[in-house]
């Protein structure tokens, strides 16, 4: 399979730059992958497509304010994007511009860090705590959102059920849920469970191999609690539908099917993959030529997904993180 098989053209004006004020009033495209039927709805109507005793699995990772802007001693601006904590107050990070030298001091509102190179760069803070470090940061909006983070992003670039700190990007399919909508879904008799997968910077990394099977996924930490395992196994035993909210939840569930409950996953799903757990998927619209688009093509079929994306573009759906979404059943 070639990278070009997963390309499509998207007008730039359809890339959502701001969230909707009301999360659950985004548009919802519903795709029946067996019949090929498409319906166009509003997200708060999603309950009409869920069955009593379905298991809905959401990713409860929490996005950290990991984008820090500082200055070198010379006065030049520097961006430090914290990827993960190595231990103590040392973090793996991306530093721009890359010409910042090992040991060079960068100032953040009076706090100091040292930029130390080690493959990807590392930074060590002189600060009272990890919380004090993140207090310097802003929400890490994706590169296709062409503006600076604003106060509203602290609220909207986070799911209402986020609880496990560690992500550098939001599990965007979950952004459409409100607490009230989740309560309504539960009252329908639909089971709700949570997994944790800390979305890493690799979610934005381009696929460079023209032959996609040569691409290597970045590892991401995930864990599935005993309680959620019980929900999953009960649903599997009774052949109930398990629906993943987002590609991250799906990858965690499919990794669990390989016998791994906690650790790191680099599972790369592309057409030809045989799904073992997930029967339905809620997901936003993804960038062309990405592993995320390849995953949804694996789930629904490449031709059907290309055709469905064309319909979404014709109907001017909003794309990517702050955009509308699709339910594939």
Protein backbone atom coordinates (compact mmCIF):
# COMPACT_ATOMS: atom_id res chain seq x y z
CA UNK A 1 0.00 0.00 0.00
CA UNK A 2 1.28 3.42 -0.98
CA UNK A 3 1.07 6.64 1.00
CA UNK A 4 -0.73 8.24 -1.95
CA UNK A 5 -3.64 5.82 -1.43
CA UNK A 6 -4.53 7.81 1.68
CA UNK A 7 -4.49 11.29 0.21
CA UNK A 8 -7.39 13.68 -0.34
CA UNK A 9 -7.82 17.40 -0.94
CA UNK A 10 -9.30 19.56 1.81
CA UNK A 11 -10.03 23.28 1.36
CA UNK A 12 -8.18 25.17 4.10
CA UNK A 13 -11.30 27.05 5.14
CA UNK A 14 -12.80 23.78 6.46
CA UNK A 15 -10.05 23.37 9.07
CA UNK A 16 -11.69 24.43 12.33
CA UNK A 17 -9.70 27.13 14.12
CA UNK A 18 -12.00 27.58 17.12
CA UNK A 19 -14.24 25.27 19.15
CA UNK A 20 -18.01 25.56 19.17
CA UNK A 21 -19.39 27.20 22.30
CA UNK A 22 -21.69 24.20 22.82
CA UNK A 23 -19.66 21.01 22.46
CA UNK A 24 -22.58 18.73 21.67
CA UNK A 25 -23.92 20.88 18.83
CA UNK A 26 -21.16 19.89 16.45
CA UNK A 27 -22.27 17.99 13.37
CA UNK A 28 -22.27 14.20 13.37
CA UNK A 29 -21.86 12.11 10.24
CA UNK A 30 -23.12 8.56 10.82
CA UNK A 31 -21.69 5.88 8.53
CA UNK A 32 -23.09 2.35 8.35
CA UNK A 33 -20.05 0.53 7.03
CA UNK A 34 -22.01 -2.59 6.04
CA UNK A 35 -24.71 -0.84 4.02
CA UNK A 36 -22.60 2.17 3.02
CA UNK A 37 -25.38 4.50 4.19
CA UNK A 38 -24.57 8.00 5.44
CA UNK A 39 -26.74 10.17 7.69
CA UNK A 40 -26.12 13.74 8.77
CA UNK A 41 -27.07 14.62 12.34
CA UNK A 42 -26.13 16.75 15.36
CA UNK A 43 -23.82 15.22 17.96
CA UNK A 44 -26.26 15.43 20.85
CA UNK A 45 -28.45 12.96 18.89
CA UNK A 46 -25.80 10.24 19.10
CA UNK A 47 -27.85 8.30 21.64
CA UNK A 48 -30.24 7.31 18.84
CA UNK A 49 -27.46 5.14 17.39
CA UNK A 50 -26.44 3.49 20.64
CA UNK A 51 -28.11 0.31 21.85
CA UNK A 52 -28.98 -0.71 25.38
CA UNK A 53 -26.04 -2.67 26.83
CA UNK A 54 -23.52 -1.26 24.34
CA UNK A 55 -20.14 -0.56 25.93
CA UNK A 56 -18.82 2.94 25.19
CA UNK A 57 -15.09 3.29 25.92
CA UNK A 58 -13.52 6.73 26.36
CA UNK A 59 -9.93 7.88 26.86
CA UNK A 60 -9.60 9.83 30.11
CA UNK A 61 -6.12 11.22 29.47
CA UNK A 62 -5.59 14.87 30.41
CA UNK A 63 -3.73 17.34 28.19
CA UNK A 64 -0.92 19.16 29.94
CA UNK A 65 -0.11 22.85 29.26
CA UNK A 66 3.23 21.76 27.84
CA UNK A 67 4.03 24.56 25.36
CA UNK A 68 6.38 27.01 27.06
CA UNK A 69 7.65 30.26 25.57
CA UNK A 70 10.86 31.71 26.95
CA UNK A 71 13.92 33.77 26.12
CA UNK A 72 17.63 33.08 25.75
CA UNK A 73 20.19 35.22 27.56
CA UNK A 74 20.65 37.05 24.24
CA UNK A 75 16.96 37.99 24.29
CA UNK A 76 15.91 35.66 21.48
CA UNK A 77 12.61 33.82 21.82
CA UNK A 78 12.56 30.05 22.42
CA UNK A 79 9.73 27.53 22.40
CA UNK A 80 10.06 24.46 24.62
CA UNK A 81 7.49 21.73 24.02
CA UNK A 82 7.53 19.26 26.91
CA UNK A 83 6.98 15.68 25.74
CA UNK A 84 7.31 13.63 28.90
CA UNK A 85 8.96 13.72 32.30
CA UNK A 86 12.15 11.72 32.54
CA UNK A 87 12.44 12.03 36.31
CA UNK A 88 12.60 14.83 38.82
CA UNK A 89 12.33 18.10 36.91
CA UNK A 90 13.99 16.78 33.75
CA UNK A 91 11.80 16.49 30.67
CA UNK A 92 12.21 15.20 27.15
CA UNK A 93 11.37 18.19 24.97
CA UNK A 94 11.37 19.73 21.54
CA UNK A 95 13.26 23.03 21.50
CA UNK A 96 12.93 25.65 18.79
CA UNK A 97 15.13 27.11 17.50
CA UNK A 98 17.32 24.01 17.53
CA UNK A 99 20.49 26.12 17.76
CA UNK A 100 20.01 26.51 21.53
CA UNK A 101 23.25 25.10 22.93
CA UNK A 102 23.66 22.38 25.58
CA UNK A 103 23.76 24.00 29.00
CA UNK A 104 22.35 27.28 27.73
CA UNK A 105 20.00 29.01 30.16
CA UNK A 106 16.46 29.93 29.10
CA UNK A 107 14.28 32.21 31.18
CA UNK A 108 10.52 31.75 31.78
CA UNK A 109 8.94 34.48 33.84
CA UNK A 110 11.93 34.47 36.15
CA UNK A 111 12.28 30.66 36.26
CA UNK A 112 15.37 29.13 34.68
CA UNK A 113 16.01 25.91 32.78
CA UNK A 114 19.02 24.34 31.18
CA UNK A 115 18.67 22.97 27.65
CA UNK A 116 20.60 19.71 27.43
CA UNK A 117 20.80 17.75 24.18
CA UNK A 118 20.41 13.97 24.16
CA UNK A 119 18.96 12.75 20.86
CA UNK A 120 15.75 14.58 21.30
CA UNK A 121 16.63 17.37 23.66
CA UNK A 122 16.23 17.34 27.41
CA UNK A 123 15.55 20.26 29.71
CA UNK A 124 16.01 20.44 33.46
CA UNK A 125 14.09 23.07 35.42
CA UNK A 126 15.09 25.04 38.44
CA UNK A 127 11.57 25.28 39.87
CA UNK A 128 9.73 24.34 43.08
CA UNK A 129 7.72 21.49 41.53
CA UNK A 130 6.38 19.86 38.37
CA UNK A 131 3.19 21.87 38.86
CA UNK A 132 5.21 25.07 38.84
CA UNK A 133 6.74 24.04 35.52
CA UNK A 134 3.37 23.39 33.86
CA UNK A 135 2.05 26.65 35.33
CA UNK A 136 4.40 28.36 32.87
CA UNK A 137 2.86 26.60 29.89
CA UNK A 138 0.03 26.98 27.40
CA UNK A 139 -2.21 24.38 25.81
CA UNK A 140 -0.45 22.61 22.91
CA UNK A 141 -2.80 23.35 20.04
CA UNK A 142 -2.08 21.33 16.87
CA UNK A 143 0.05 22.97 14.18
CA UNK A 144 -2.90 23.28 11.78
CA UNK A 145 -4.65 25.66 14.19
CA UNK A 146 -3.06 28.88 13.02
CA UNK A 147 -3.33 31.01 16.13
CA UNK A 148 -1.91 31.31 19.61
CA UNK A 149 -3.61 29.42 22.48
CA UNK A 150 -6.26 31.46 24.27
CA UNK A 151 -7.91 31.13 27.66
CA UNK A 152 -10.89 29.29 26.16
CA UNK A 153 -8.57 26.52 24.96
CA UNK A 154 -7.84 25.55 28.58
CA UNK A 155 -11.49 24.47 28.71
CA UNK A 156 -12.32 23.33 25.20
CA UNK A 157 -9.09 21.49 24.30
CA UNK A 158 -9.84 19.07 27.12
CA UNK A 159 -12.57 16.45 27.49
CA UNK A 160 -15.04 16.97 30.33
CA UNK A 161 -13.91 13.63 31.82
CA UNK A 162 -10.13 14.16 31.57
CA UNK A 163 -8.49 12.94 34.77
CA UNK A 164 -5.14 11.22 34.09
CA UNK A 165 -2.37 13.75 33.41
CA UNK A 166 0.10 13.02 30.63
CA UNK A 167 -1.08 13.88 27.10
CA UNK A 168 0.44 16.47 24.76
CA UNK A 169 -2.61 16.41 22.45
CA UNK A 170 -6.31 15.92 23.09
CA UNK A 171 -8.23 12.74 22.27
CA UNK A 172 -10.42 14.87 20.07
CA UNK A 173 -13.39 12.56 19.50
CA UNK A 174 -14.22 12.98 23.17
CA UNK A 175 -14.33 16.78 22.98
CA UNK A 176 -17.96 16.66 21.80
CA UNK A 177 -19.35 15.13 24.99
CA UNK A 178 -20.88 17.16 27.80
CA UNK A 179 -21.44 15.84 31.30
CA UNK A 180 -25.21 16.05 30.74
CA UNK A 181 -25.01 14.06 27.50
CA UNK A 182 -22.95 11.33 29.18
CA UNK A 183 -25.57 11.14 31.93
CA UNK A 184 -28.33 10.81 29.32
CA UNK A 185 -26.40 8.01 27.58
CA UNK A 186 -25.95 6.15 30.86
CA UNK A 187 -29.68 6.44 31.56
CA UNK A 188 -30.31 4.66 28.26
CA UNK A 189 -28.67 1.58 29.76
CA UNK A 190 -25.43 2.08 27.85
CA UNK A 191 -22.32 1.00 29.75
CA UNK A 192 -19.49 3.56 29.94
CA UNK A 193 -15.87 2.70 30.75
CA UNK A 194 -12.52 4.47 30.54
CA UNK A 195 -9.05 3.63 29.31
CA UNK A 196 -5.98 5.86 29.50
CA UNK A 197 -3.71 6.47 26.54
CA UNK A 198 -1.46 9.51 26.78
CA UNK A 199 -1.49 10.99 23.31
CA UNK A 200 2.09 11.74 22.28
CA UNK A 201 3.69 14.15 19.84
CA UNK A 202 3.93 11.30 17.33
CA UNK A 203 0.27 11.86 16.52
CA UNK A 204 1.44 14.90 14.49
CA UNK A 205 4.46 13.24 12.89
CA UNK A 206 4.14 12.77 9.11
CA UNK A 207 4.42 9.40 7.45
CA UNK A 208 7.51 9.66 5.27
CA UNK A 209 7.69 6.14 3.84
CA UNK A 210 5.99 5.82 0.48
CA UNK A 211 5.38 2.16 1.37
CA UNK A 212 3.31 2.61 4.51
CA UNK A 213 4.24 -0.73 6.08
CA UNK A 214 7.75 0.68 6.61
CA UNK A 215 6.43 3.40 8.91
CA UNK A 216 7.25 3.08 12.61
CA UNK A 217 4.76 4.42 15.14
CA UNK A 218 5.91 6.39 18.17
CA UNK A 219 5.25 4.56 21.45
CA UNK A 220 2.51 5.90 23.71
CA UNK A 221 1.79 4.90 27.30
CA UNK A 222 -1.57 3.31 28.04
CA UNK A 223 -3.29 1.49 30.87
CA UNK A 224 -6.61 -0.28 31.37
CA UNK A 225 -7.95 -0.67 34.91
CA UNK A 226 -9.31 -3.88 36.39
CA UNK A 227 -12.77 -2.30 36.40
CA UNK A 228 -12.61 -1.54 32.69
CA UNK A 229 -11.23 -5.01 31.95
CA UNK A 230 -14.32 -6.40 33.68
CA UNK A 231 -16.58 -4.28 31.46
CA UNK A 232 -14.71 -5.35 28.33
CA UNK A 233 -14.73 -9.06 29.12
CA UNK A 234 -18.40 -8.98 30.06
CA UNK A 235 -19.27 -7.30 26.75
CA UNK A 236 -17.12 -9.74 24.77
CA UNK A 237 -18.62 -12.75 26.54
CA UNK A 238 -22.15 -11.56 25.82
CA UNK A 239 -21.21 -10.43 22.26
CA UNK A 240 -22.30 -6.87 22.97
CA UNK A 241 -21.02 -3.98 20.87
CA UNK A 242 -17.89 -2.26 22.09
CA UNK A 243 -17.61 1.26 20.68
CA UNK A 244 -14.38 3.22 20.96
CA UNK A 245 -14.48 6.99 21.40
CA UNK A 246 -11.48 8.01 19.34
CA UNK A 247 -8.58 6.26 17.65
CA UNK A 248 -6.62 6.34 20.92
CA UNK A 249 -9.28 4.34 22.78
CA UNK A 250 -9.42 1.95 19.84
CA UNK A 251 -5.65 1.38 19.82
CA UNK A 252 -5.65 0.79 23.57
CA UNK A 253 -8.46 -1.76 23.24
CA UNK A 254 -6.84 -3.56 20.33
CA UNK A 255 -3.52 -3.67 22.19
CA UNK A 256 -5.36 -5.14 25.18
CA UNK A 257 -6.64 -7.87 22.84
CA UNK A 258 -2.99 -8.93 22.43
CA UNK A 259 -2.80 -9.56 26.16
CA UNK A 260 -1.27 -6.25 27.28
CA UNK A 261 -3.12 -4.22 29.89
CA UNK A 262 -0.52 -1.59 30.69
CA UNK A 263 2.67 -0.30 29.14
CA UNK A 264 3.55 1.20 25.79
CA UNK A 265 1.84 0.62 22.49
CA UNK A 266 3.13 1.31 18.99
CA UNK A 267 0.27 -0.52 17.29
CA UNK A 268 -0.02 0.64 13.68
CA UNK A 269 -3.43 -0.10 12.19
CA UNK A 270 -3.86 0.11 8.43
CA UNK A 271 -6.09 -1.69 5.87
CA UNK A 272 -5.89 -5.42 6.26
CA UNK A 273 -5.86 -5.29 10.06
CA UNK A 274 -8.35 -7.66 11.71
CA UNK A 275 -10.17 -5.91 14.55
CA UNK A 276 -10.52 -8.09 17.64
CA UNK A 277 -12.50 -5.96 20.09
CA UNK A 278 -13.96 -2.77 18.63
CA UNK A 279 -17.25 -2.86 16.70
CA UNK A 280 -17.93 0.85 16.39
CA UNK A 281 -15.83 4.02 16.31
CA UNK A 282 -16.50 7.69 17.02
CA UNK A 283 -13.79 9.84 15.50
CA UNK A 284 -13.06 13.31 14.15
CA UNK A 285 -12.03 13.91 10.54
CA UNK A 286 -8.30 13.31 10.10
CA UNK A 287 -5.48 14.75 8.03
CA UNK A 288 -4.66 13.07 4.71
CA UNK A 289 -1.67 10.73 4.52
CA UNK A 290 -1.66 10.12 8.29
CA UNK A 291 -1.77 7.00 10.42
CA UNK A 292 -5.10 8.19 11.82
CA UNK A 293 -6.70 8.30 8.38
CA UNK A 294 -5.20 4.89 7.62
CA UNK A 295 -6.81 3.54 10.79
CA UNK A 296 -10.31 4.67 9.83
CA UNK A 297 -9.75 3.30 6.33
CA UNK A 298 -8.87 -0.03 7.94
CA UNK A 299 -12.07 0.11 9.97
CA UNK A 300 -14.50 1.06 7.21
CA UNK A 301 -12.65 0.38 3.95
CA UNK A 302 -10.47 2.82 2.02
CA UNK A 303 -12.89 3.44 -0.86
CA UNK A 304 -15.88 3.93 1.45
CA UNK A 305 -13.89 6.28 3.66
CA UNK A 306 -12.63 8.34 0.71
CA UNK A 307 -16.22 8.61 -0.58
CA UNK A 308 -17.50 9.60 2.85
CA UNK A 309 -14.83 12.27 3.27
CA UNK A 310 -15.82 13.70 -0.11
CA UNK A 311 -19.41 13.99 1.12
CA UNK A 312 -18.24 15.68 4.31
CA UNK A 313 -16.21 18.19 2.29
CA UNK A 314 -19.13 18.88 -0.07
CA UNK A 315 -21.36 19.54 2.95
CA UNK A 316 -18.69 21.73 4.54
CA UNK A 317 -18.15 19.76 7.72
CA UNK A 318 -15.53 21.27 10.03
CA UNK A 319 -12.32 19.20 10.06
CA UNK A 320 -9.66 18.14 12.56
CA UNK A 321 -9.34 18.72 16.31
CA UNK A 322 -11.99 21.41 16.84
CA UNK A 323 -14.12 20.12 13.99
CA UNK A 324 -17.13 17.86 13.60
CA UNK A 325 -17.11 14.07 13.93
CA UNK A 326 -18.14 10.74 12.47
CA UNK A 327 -19.71 7.68 14.02
CA UNK A 328 -18.81 4.49 12.15
CA UNK A 329 -21.04 1.53 13.01
